[in-house]
Each structure stands twice: as structure tokens, then as C-alpha cells.
């Protein structure tokens, strides 16, 4: 892959939650990025210096909750990090940004929208063509783990039978009871979950089925179908976590799984563990990701992230890695032709 063009990039950060703030920090720290705007949802955050919002020095650029003010900026790229919701719930904003002429990088899906033909894809594609802009995804998972790392590792395999990407999200540190128990559904019986058993999984459905589509795209596979296969595990005894008590017999571990089928066989799998205890995991100290390629020969990779030794902030390594993935995608989304595009297979660091 050729080196990125030696130029500067005018970038807007859209939303400043945990991941958005990490992206903003990485953008501010990069020597060839100029942050020209930040969109916030809360009026309490509006009007702040965006450097100070991110724990950096003042920049003179102020955040805004005015959507039109962001659309009017002459930005090369908008990094979209809105709250995760029903997949496609941010389409209106992304369409407006694309029509304004700004390229868009999403950290919450849009890995391979072209795999789902229909009115939604048509609207995104038409907006990009009108604006001469590009929509591309970045991030970790969706993003790096399956669509990048697993595909590169397949270069070590002569015959590839199956690819599995496993992510482990330890939820014990979550302090918000409303989020842990009501939104996610921990601490409920299967009867109480009822139709909500598919709740969080349904919210993630679009994102992770597109992970399988993007991975298949890079591997040259054509998926016939994607099959969900979700499992809930119950606590054997009461558990005390930051947000409260999880009673015995209620859900302590969600395992959301999707399988990509080729000729009726499962060839690709994404498996996401959200857990409050490790009793139902293969090991007590699982890595952030496990990538397992079954083939001749097979490959197993465990991946952990760590912070720079000079970083004394409370932010963990994972959000910084999301920000790095975004920064390393900037040259590629700007260089790509207009439209809905799959991120190139390699997005190495640049300076």
C-alpha cells in the first residue's frame, strides 16, 4: 500500500462520549490533523474549548450542539461516534454529512452496508454521490479484530475451514444500575427477559452481521446466510458487582453469536461475551480478543492492548485504540472514490 499523501486533514468529531473523547484526543495529538469542530448532544457541553474537553491544551475551537453549524464547516472528514442504538438510527445525520461534502468515518458499524441492498443503501449511496464524499467504518470490533487481523492471519493458512473472532467484555466495573440491569438485562430471569432476550443482541445485529460480510468480502467468500445463535448463562449464586447485586438464577453472562454460512456450513463466527462472572468462560483471565482460524495449518491469536507508560489518565487502552483506528483511516477515506466503501485491508499508522 502506498504511503498516505503528505497533507493535513480538517476533521470534525461528532459526539464526545467515552469513545468519542478518545477519538478527539488522538485527533488533537496527531501532527497532521486539524480539529475544526466538535458536535455535542448536550447543551451543557456546548461552547467549550475542544482541547480542554479532551484534557489537552486550549485550541480556540468551540464545541457546538448546532447540527447545521457542523454541516457548514469545510471539513475533510467527520468522525461519527454517536450512541449505539438501533442499527441505522444515525442514518439521517450521516446522510446529511455526506451531502454536505464531508467524508464520514463511523465507529459504530457501516462496515459493509453494500451487503444489504435496498432503500437504506440507496439513500446512503445517493447522498455520497451528491456530496462527492465517502462513508467508511473504523474501530476495533466492528473493525480491526475480524475485518483486519483475522484476514491478515489467513495468509498463514493453506486451506481455511473456519474463522472465529471472540471478544470479551468484563461488565463487572459498570457502575450504572439502570444501564447494567435495565438496558443490558443483567440480573433478570429468562422469564423476565421474555421477548427482550434478543434486546441487546438485536441492537448489535446490524453491526456484527456486517462484520461477517466485510470479513467475507476480504476473504473472497460469498455468504449464503447469517445465523444468530445467542446464549444466556445464569448465576449459580448471588454476585456483588459495582452496580448492585445479581441474584442466583438470573442472567450473569450474555454470549451474542452470529455465524456466516457458505453452502450450509458455518465458515465465519463472531462471538461477543458480556459477563459478570467467568464461570462460563474457557478461562478466568480471557484476552480482549481471540482469533481462531481452523485450517491447514490453523492459527490462534490472543490480543491485549496496553496504555503508553507515560499516560496517567483513567482512560483505558481500548478507547485509545479506537481513536488510533480512526486516525489511521483518515487518508484512506479521503482518497477513496465517492460512495459507501469497505475500509482497505491494511490501515497502518502514519505520521
Protein backbone atom coordinates (compact mmCIF):
# COMPACT_ATOMS: atom_id res chain seq x y z
CA UNK A 1 0.00 0.00 0.00
CA UNK A 2 1.31 3.43 -0.90
CA UNK A 3 2.13 5.94 1.83
CA UNK A 4 -0.61 8.48 2.62
CA UNK A 5 -0.37 11.77 0.77
CA UNK A 6 1.65 14.38 2.68
CA UNK A 7 -1.17 16.77 3.57
CA UNK A 8 -3.15 17.98 6.54
CA UNK A 9 -6.72 16.91 7.30
CA UNK A 10 -9.54 19.08 8.62
CA UNK A 11 -11.59 16.85 10.91
CA UNK A 12 -14.77 17.16 12.96
CA UNK A 13 -15.51 14.91 15.94
CA UNK A 14 -19.21 14.04 16.21
CA UNK A 15 -20.13 13.23 19.83
CA UNK A 16 -17.90 13.07 22.90
CA UNK A 17 -18.85 10.04 24.95
CA UNK A 18 -16.08 7.75 26.15
CA UNK A 19 -15.13 6.58 22.67
CA UNK A 20 -15.70 9.96 21.07
CA UNK A 21 -13.45 11.65 23.61
CA UNK A 22 -10.71 9.10 22.93
CA UNK A 23 -11.03 9.77 19.20
CA UNK A 24 -10.84 13.51 19.88
CA UNK A 25 -7.65 13.08 21.90
CA UNK A 26 -5.99 11.05 19.16
CA UNK A 27 -7.06 13.59 16.53
CA UNK A 28 -5.72 16.51 18.58
CA UNK A 29 -2.44 14.69 19.20
CA UNK A 30 -1.75 13.90 15.53
CA UNK A 31 0.70 16.31 13.87
CA UNK A 32 -1.21 16.43 10.57
CA UNK A 33 -4.78 16.72 11.81
CA UNK A 34 -6.62 19.99 12.47
CA UNK A 35 -9.76 19.57 14.57
CA UNK A 36 -12.08 22.23 13.18
CA UNK A 37 -15.25 21.35 15.06
CA UNK A 38 -16.90 19.09 17.63
CA UNK A 39 -20.59 18.21 17.73
CA UNK A 40 -22.12 17.51 21.15
CA UNK A 41 -25.63 16.37 22.03
CA UNK A 42 -25.78 18.11 25.42
CA UNK A 43 -26.23 21.86 25.77
CA UNK A 44 -24.07 21.62 28.91
CA UNK A 45 -21.12 20.61 26.72
CA UNK A 46 -21.74 23.23 24.03
CA UNK A 47 -19.39 26.20 23.81
CA UNK A 48 -16.41 24.53 25.47
CA UNK A 49 -12.91 24.65 24.06
CA UNK A 50 -12.50 21.26 22.37
CA UNK A 51 -8.89 20.87 23.54
CA UNK A 52 -9.84 21.39 27.15
CA UNK A 53 -12.78 18.97 26.75
CA UNK A 54 -10.27 16.27 25.83
CA UNK A 55 -7.75 17.07 28.57
CA UNK A 56 -5.47 18.85 26.13
CA UNK A 57 -4.44 22.48 25.81
CA UNK A 58 -6.85 25.12 24.50
CA UNK A 59 -7.32 25.22 20.73
CA UNK A 60 -9.68 28.16 20.24
CA UNK A 61 -12.22 25.82 18.61
CA UNK A 62 -15.53 25.59 20.45
CA UNK A 63 -17.94 22.65 20.60
CA UNK A 64 -21.48 23.09 19.35
CA UNK A 65 -24.83 21.35 19.56
CA UNK A 66 -25.90 23.12 16.35
CA UNK A 67 -26.11 20.42 13.68
CA UNK A 68 -26.22 22.96 10.86
CA UNK A 69 -23.05 24.65 12.10
CA UNK A 70 -21.24 21.33 11.68
CA UNK A 71 -22.72 20.80 8.22
CA UNK A 72 -21.50 24.27 7.19
CA UNK A 73 -17.88 23.54 8.14
CA UNK A 74 -15.43 22.82 5.33
CA UNK A 75 -14.25 19.53 6.84
CA UNK A 76 -12.43 16.74 5.08
CA UNK A 77 -13.79 14.12 7.47
CA UNK A 78 -16.40 13.82 10.22
CA UNK A 79 -15.72 11.07 12.76
CA UNK A 80 -19.17 9.82 13.75
CA UNK A 81 -19.28 8.32 17.26
CA UNK A 82 -22.93 8.63 18.18
CA UNK A 83 -24.57 6.50 20.84
CA UNK A 84 -25.17 2.86 19.90
CA UNK A 85 -28.85 2.31 19.25
CA UNK A 86 -31.00 0.52 16.74
CA UNK A 87 -28.76 0.00 13.75
CA UNK A 88 -29.40 2.71 11.19
CA UNK A 89 -30.71 5.20 13.75
CA UNK A 90 -27.92 7.62 12.77
CA UNK A 91 -28.59 7.39 9.03
CA UNK A 92 -30.24 10.83 8.81
CA UNK A 93 -27.21 12.57 10.31
CA UNK A 94 -24.75 10.58 8.22
CA UNK A 95 -26.72 11.27 5.04
CA UNK A 96 -26.73 14.99 5.81
CA UNK A 97 -22.98 14.96 6.45
CA UNK A 98 -22.28 13.10 3.21
CA UNK A 99 -24.47 15.52 1.25
CA UNK A 100 -22.53 18.43 2.76
CA UNK A 101 -19.37 17.08 1.12
CA UNK A 102 -17.73 15.67 4.24
CA UNK A 103 -16.34 12.16 4.23
CA UNK A 104 -17.64 10.16 7.22
CA UNK A 105 -15.88 7.57 9.37
CA UNK A 106 -18.23 5.63 11.65
CA UNK A 107 -17.01 3.72 14.71
CA UNK A 108 -20.41 2.06 15.23
CA UNK A 109 -20.92 -0.14 12.21
CA UNK A 110 -21.27 0.62 8.49
CA UNK A 111 -18.54 -1.97 7.86
CA UNK A 112 -20.23 -3.24 4.68
CA UNK A 113 -23.64 -1.63 4.02
CA UNK A 114 -23.44 -2.76 0.38
CA UNK A 115 -24.08 -6.31 1.56
CA UNK A 116 -27.69 -5.27 2.32
CA UNK A 117 -29.16 -3.86 -0.93
CA UNK A 118 -32.32 -1.85 -0.59
CA UNK A 119 -33.68 1.65 0.12
CA UNK A 120 -31.30 2.28 3.04
CA UNK A 121 -28.19 1.53 0.99
CA UNK A 122 -29.61 3.52 -1.93
CA UNK A 123 -30.09 6.57 0.31
CA UNK A 124 -26.55 6.39 1.71
CA UNK A 125 -25.02 5.87 -1.73
CA UNK A 126 -27.03 8.69 -3.30
CA UNK A 127 -26.02 11.11 -0.53
CA UNK A 128 -22.36 10.26 -1.02
CA UNK A 129 -22.62 10.74 -4.77
CA UNK A 130 -24.36 14.11 -4.36
CA UNK A 131 -21.67 15.30 -1.95
CA UNK A 132 -18.72 13.66 -3.70
CA UNK A 133 -17.96 12.03 -0.36
CA UNK A 134 -17.26 8.61 1.14
CA UNK A 135 -18.66 6.59 4.04
CA UNK A 136 -16.24 4.14 5.67
CA UNK A 137 -16.08 2.31 9.01
CA UNK A 138 -13.28 2.10 11.55
CA UNK A 139 -12.95 0.83 15.11
CA UNK A 140 -11.99 -2.35 16.93
CA UNK A 141 -14.91 -4.76 16.71
CA UNK A 142 -16.63 -3.94 14.43
CA UNK A 143 -13.36 -3.05 12.76
CA UNK A 144 -9.90 -4.34 13.41
CA UNK A 145 -10.32 -7.76 15.04
CA UNK A 146 -12.27 -9.51 12.31
CA UNK A 147 -12.08 -7.34 9.23
CA UNK A 148 -8.34 -6.74 9.52
CA UNK A 149 -6.48 -9.06 11.90
CA UNK A 150 -8.28 -12.31 11.08
CA UNK A 151 -8.00 -11.67 7.36
CA UNK A 152 -4.26 -10.93 7.52
CA UNK A 153 -3.71 -14.06 9.64
CA UNK A 154 -5.39 -16.14 6.93
CA UNK A 155 -2.23 -15.59 4.88
CA UNK A 156 -0.64 -18.28 7.05
CA UNK A 157 -3.29 -20.85 6.14
CA UNK A 158 -3.30 -23.05 3.05
CA UNK A 159 -6.84 -24.40 3.48
CA UNK A 160 -9.21 -22.27 5.54
CA UNK A 161 -12.20 -24.05 7.09
CA UNK A 162 -13.46 -21.61 9.72
CA UNK A 163 -12.70 -18.19 11.24
CA UNK A 164 -13.84 -17.27 14.74
CA UNK A 165 -13.48 -13.83 16.34
CA UNK A 166 -14.22 -13.78 20.08
CA UNK A 167 -14.44 -10.63 22.19
CA UNK A 168 -14.64 -10.49 26.00
CA UNK A 169 -16.26 -7.51 27.72
CA UNK A 170 -15.97 -7.65 31.52
CA UNK A 171 -19.07 -5.79 32.74
CA UNK A 172 -18.31 -6.02 36.46
CA UNK A 173 -16.93 -2.48 36.57
CA UNK A 174 -20.15 -0.90 35.21
CA UNK A 175 -21.47 1.40 37.95
CA UNK A 176 -24.80 2.49 36.46
CA UNK A 177 -27.59 0.16 37.70
CA UNK A 178 -30.03 1.42 35.09
CA UNK A 179 -27.62 0.57 32.28
CA UNK A 180 -26.48 -2.80 33.65
CA UNK A 181 -29.83 -4.17 34.79
CA UNK A 182 -32.43 -2.36 32.67
CA UNK A 183 -30.69 -1.62 29.37
CA UNK A 184 -28.43 -4.67 29.14
CA UNK A 185 -30.70 -7.07 31.03
CA UNK A 186 -28.26 -8.49 33.56
CA UNK A 187 -29.85 -9.69 36.80
CA UNK A 188 -33.11 -10.76 35.17
CA UNK A 189 -34.53 -14.24 34.88
CA UNK A 190 -35.08 -15.66 31.41
CA UNK A 191 -38.82 -15.32 32.00
CA UNK A 192 -38.39 -11.63 32.89
CA UNK A 193 -36.32 -11.06 29.79
CA UNK A 194 -39.07 -12.63 27.70
CA UNK A 195 -39.04 -11.05 24.26
CA UNK A 196 -36.13 -8.89 25.41
CA UNK A 197 -33.80 -11.90 25.24
CA UNK A 198 -32.94 -10.60 21.80
CA UNK A 199 -32.84 -6.97 23.00
CA UNK A 200 -29.15 -6.06 23.22
CA UNK A 201 -28.36 -8.60 20.55
CA UNK A 202 -30.90 -7.02 18.22
CA UNK A 203 -29.29 -3.62 18.78
CA UNK A 204 -25.95 -5.12 17.73
CA UNK A 205 -27.38 -7.26 14.92
CA UNK A 206 -26.70 -4.89 12.06
CA UNK A 207 -23.18 -4.06 13.20
CA UNK A 208 -21.96 -7.61 13.66
CA UNK A 209 -23.64 -9.16 10.65
CA UNK A 210 -21.76 -6.52 8.62
CA UNK A 211 -18.53 -7.60 10.34
CA UNK A 212 -19.11 -11.05 8.87
CA UNK A 213 -19.94 -9.54 5.48
CA UNK A 214 -16.80 -7.36 5.47
CA UNK A 215 -14.60 -10.26 6.58
CA UNK A 216 -16.12 -12.49 3.90
CA UNK A 217 -15.54 -9.73 1.34
CA UNK A 218 -11.81 -9.62 2.12
CA UNK A 219 -11.56 -13.44 2.15
CA UNK A 220 -13.38 -13.80 -1.16
CA UNK A 221 -16.28 -15.74 0.39
CA UNK A 222 -19.93 -15.33 -0.55
CA UNK A 223 -22.19 -15.83 2.47
CA UNK A 224 -25.49 -17.56 1.83
CA UNK A 225 -26.93 -16.56 5.19
CA UNK A 226 -26.06 -15.29 8.67
CA UNK A 227 -27.37 -17.34 11.57
CA UNK A 228 -27.75 -15.90 15.10
CA UNK A 229 -27.01 -18.27 17.97
CA UNK A 230 -27.27 -16.36 21.27
CA UNK A 231 -26.81 -17.89 24.73
CA UNK A 232 -27.59 -16.56 28.22
CA UNK A 233 -25.93 -18.05 31.31
CA UNK A 234 -27.40 -17.84 34.82
CA UNK A 235 -25.58 -17.10 38.06
CA UNK A 236 -25.21 -20.12 40.35
CA UNK A 237 -25.04 -17.86 43.42
CA UNK A 238 -25.54 -14.19 44.29
CA UNK A 239 -22.93 -11.86 42.78
CA UNK A 240 -21.93 -8.46 44.12
CA UNK A 241 -20.81 -6.04 41.39
CA UNK A 242 -20.29 -2.27 41.24
CA UNK A 243 -23.89 -1.61 40.16
CA UNK A 244 -25.54 -3.86 42.77
CA UNK A 245 -26.47 -7.49 43.37
CA UNK A 246 -27.11 -10.13 40.73
CA UNK A 247 -29.25 -12.84 42.27
CA UNK A 248 -28.72 -16.58 41.76
CA UNK A 249 -30.76 -17.85 38.83
CA UNK A 250 -30.63 -14.55 36.92
CA UNK A 251 -28.55 -13.68 33.87
CA UNK A 252 -24.86 -13.12 34.64
CA UNK A 253 -23.41 -13.68 31.19
CA UNK A 254 -24.60 -12.91 27.65
CA UNK A 255 -22.90 -14.55 24.69
CA UNK A 256 -24.06 -12.98 21.43
CA UNK A 257 -23.06 -15.10 18.43
CA UNK A 258 -23.51 -14.82 14.68
CA UNK A 259 -22.38 -17.39 12.10
CA UNK A 260 -21.76 -16.80 8.41
CA UNK A 261 -22.85 -19.78 6.29
CA UNK A 262 -21.40 -20.90 2.97
CA UNK A 263 -23.11 -23.87 1.29
CA UNK A 264 -24.87 -24.61 4.58
CA UNK A 265 -21.64 -24.73 6.64
CA UNK A 266 -20.57 -22.25 9.31
CA UNK A 267 -17.42 -20.64 7.92
CA UNK A 268 -17.27 -17.39 9.95
CA UNK A 269 -18.27 -16.70 13.56
CA UNK A 270 -18.37 -13.57 15.71
CA UNK A 271 -18.82 -14.26 19.42
CA UNK A 272 -19.26 -11.44 21.95
CA UNK A 273 -19.18 -12.18 25.68
CA UNK A 274 -20.61 -9.67 28.17
CA UNK A 275 -20.09 -11.18 31.59
CA UNK A 276 -20.25 -10.56 35.34
CA UNK A 277 -18.55 -13.83 36.27
CA UNK A 278 -16.06 -16.07 34.50
CA UNK A 279 -17.68 -19.42 35.33
CA UNK A 280 -18.92 -19.91 31.77
CA UNK A 281 -15.73 -18.78 30.02
CA UNK A 282 -12.92 -21.06 28.87
CA UNK A 283 -10.52 -19.25 31.22
CA UNK A 284 -10.66 -16.88 34.16
CA UNK A 285 -8.46 -14.23 32.53
CA UNK A 286 -9.61 -14.11 28.90
CA UNK A 287 -7.89 -11.74 26.47
CA UNK A 288 -9.73 -8.86 24.88
CA UNK A 289 -9.89 -10.80 21.62
CA UNK A 290 -9.23 -14.33 20.47
CA UNK A 291 -8.87 -15.02 16.76
CA UNK A 292 -9.01 -18.68 15.79
CA UNK A 293 -8.53 -19.89 12.24
CA UNK A 294 -9.26 -23.58 11.72
CA UNK A 295 -7.41 -24.87 8.68
CA UNK A 296 -4.16 -26.33 7.44
CA UNK A 297 -2.31 -25.10 9.37
CA UNK A 298 -4.52 -23.40 11.96
CA UNK A 299 -3.80 -20.10 13.73
CA UNK A 300 -4.65 -18.88 17.22
CA UNK A 301 -4.06 -15.28 18.30
CA UNK A 302 -4.75 -13.69 21.69
CA UNK A 303 -4.78 -9.90 21.67
CA UNK A 304 -4.43 -7.49 24.58
CA UNK A 305 -3.99 -3.72 24.48
CA UNK A 306 -1.92 -1.63 26.86
CA UNK A 307 -1.52 2.06 27.53
CA UNK A 308 1.60 4.06 26.88
CA UNK A 309 3.68 4.15 30.09
CA UNK A 310 3.53 7.97 30.11
CA UNK A 311 -0.29 8.07 30.05
CA UNK A 312 -1.56 8.54 33.59
CA UNK A 313 -5.19 9.23 32.66
CA UNK A 314 -8.05 6.99 33.77
CA UNK A 315 -8.92 6.15 30.17
CA UNK A 316 -8.07 2.51 29.35
CA UNK A 317 -6.20 1.38 26.25
CA UNK A 318 -9.22 0.21 24.24
CA UNK A 319 -10.75 3.67 23.57
CA UNK A 320 -7.34 4.96 22.52
CA UNK A 321 -7.11 2.08 20.05
CA UNK A 322 -10.49 3.06 18.62
CA UNK A 323 -9.12 6.58 18.16
CA UNK A 324 -5.98 5.24 16.52
CA UNK A 325 -8.06 3.16 14.12
CA UNK A 326 -9.96 6.30 13.15
CA UNK A 327 -6.81 8.37 12.66
CA UNK A 328 -5.21 5.66 10.53
CA UNK A 329 -8.31 5.51 8.33
CA UNK A 330 -8.33 9.25 7.54
CA UNK A 331 -6.04 9.14 4.48
CA UNK A 332 -7.95 6.19 3.03
CA UNK A 333 -11.45 7.62 3.34
CA UNK A 334 -10.29 10.90 1.78
CA UNK A 335 -8.57 9.09 -1.12
CA UNK A 336 -11.44 6.67 -1.77
CA UNK A 337 -13.97 7.26 -4.56
CA UNK A 338 -17.37 8.66 -3.55
CA UNK A 339 -19.82 6.16 -2.17
CA UNK A 340 -20.25 3.54 0.54
CA UNK A 341 -16.87 1.82 0.76
CA UNK A 342 -15.29 -1.06 2.68
CA UNK A 343 -12.17 0.02 4.57
CA UNK A 344 -8.94 -1.16 2.91
CA UNK A 345 -7.45 -4.32 4.36
CA UNK A 346 -4.40 -2.56 5.84
CA UNK A 347 -4.60 0.78 7.65
CA UNK A 348 -1.15 1.19 9.20
CA UNK A 349 -0.01 4.05 11.40
CA UNK A 350 1.16 7.17 9.56
CA UNK A 351 2.69 10.49 10.55
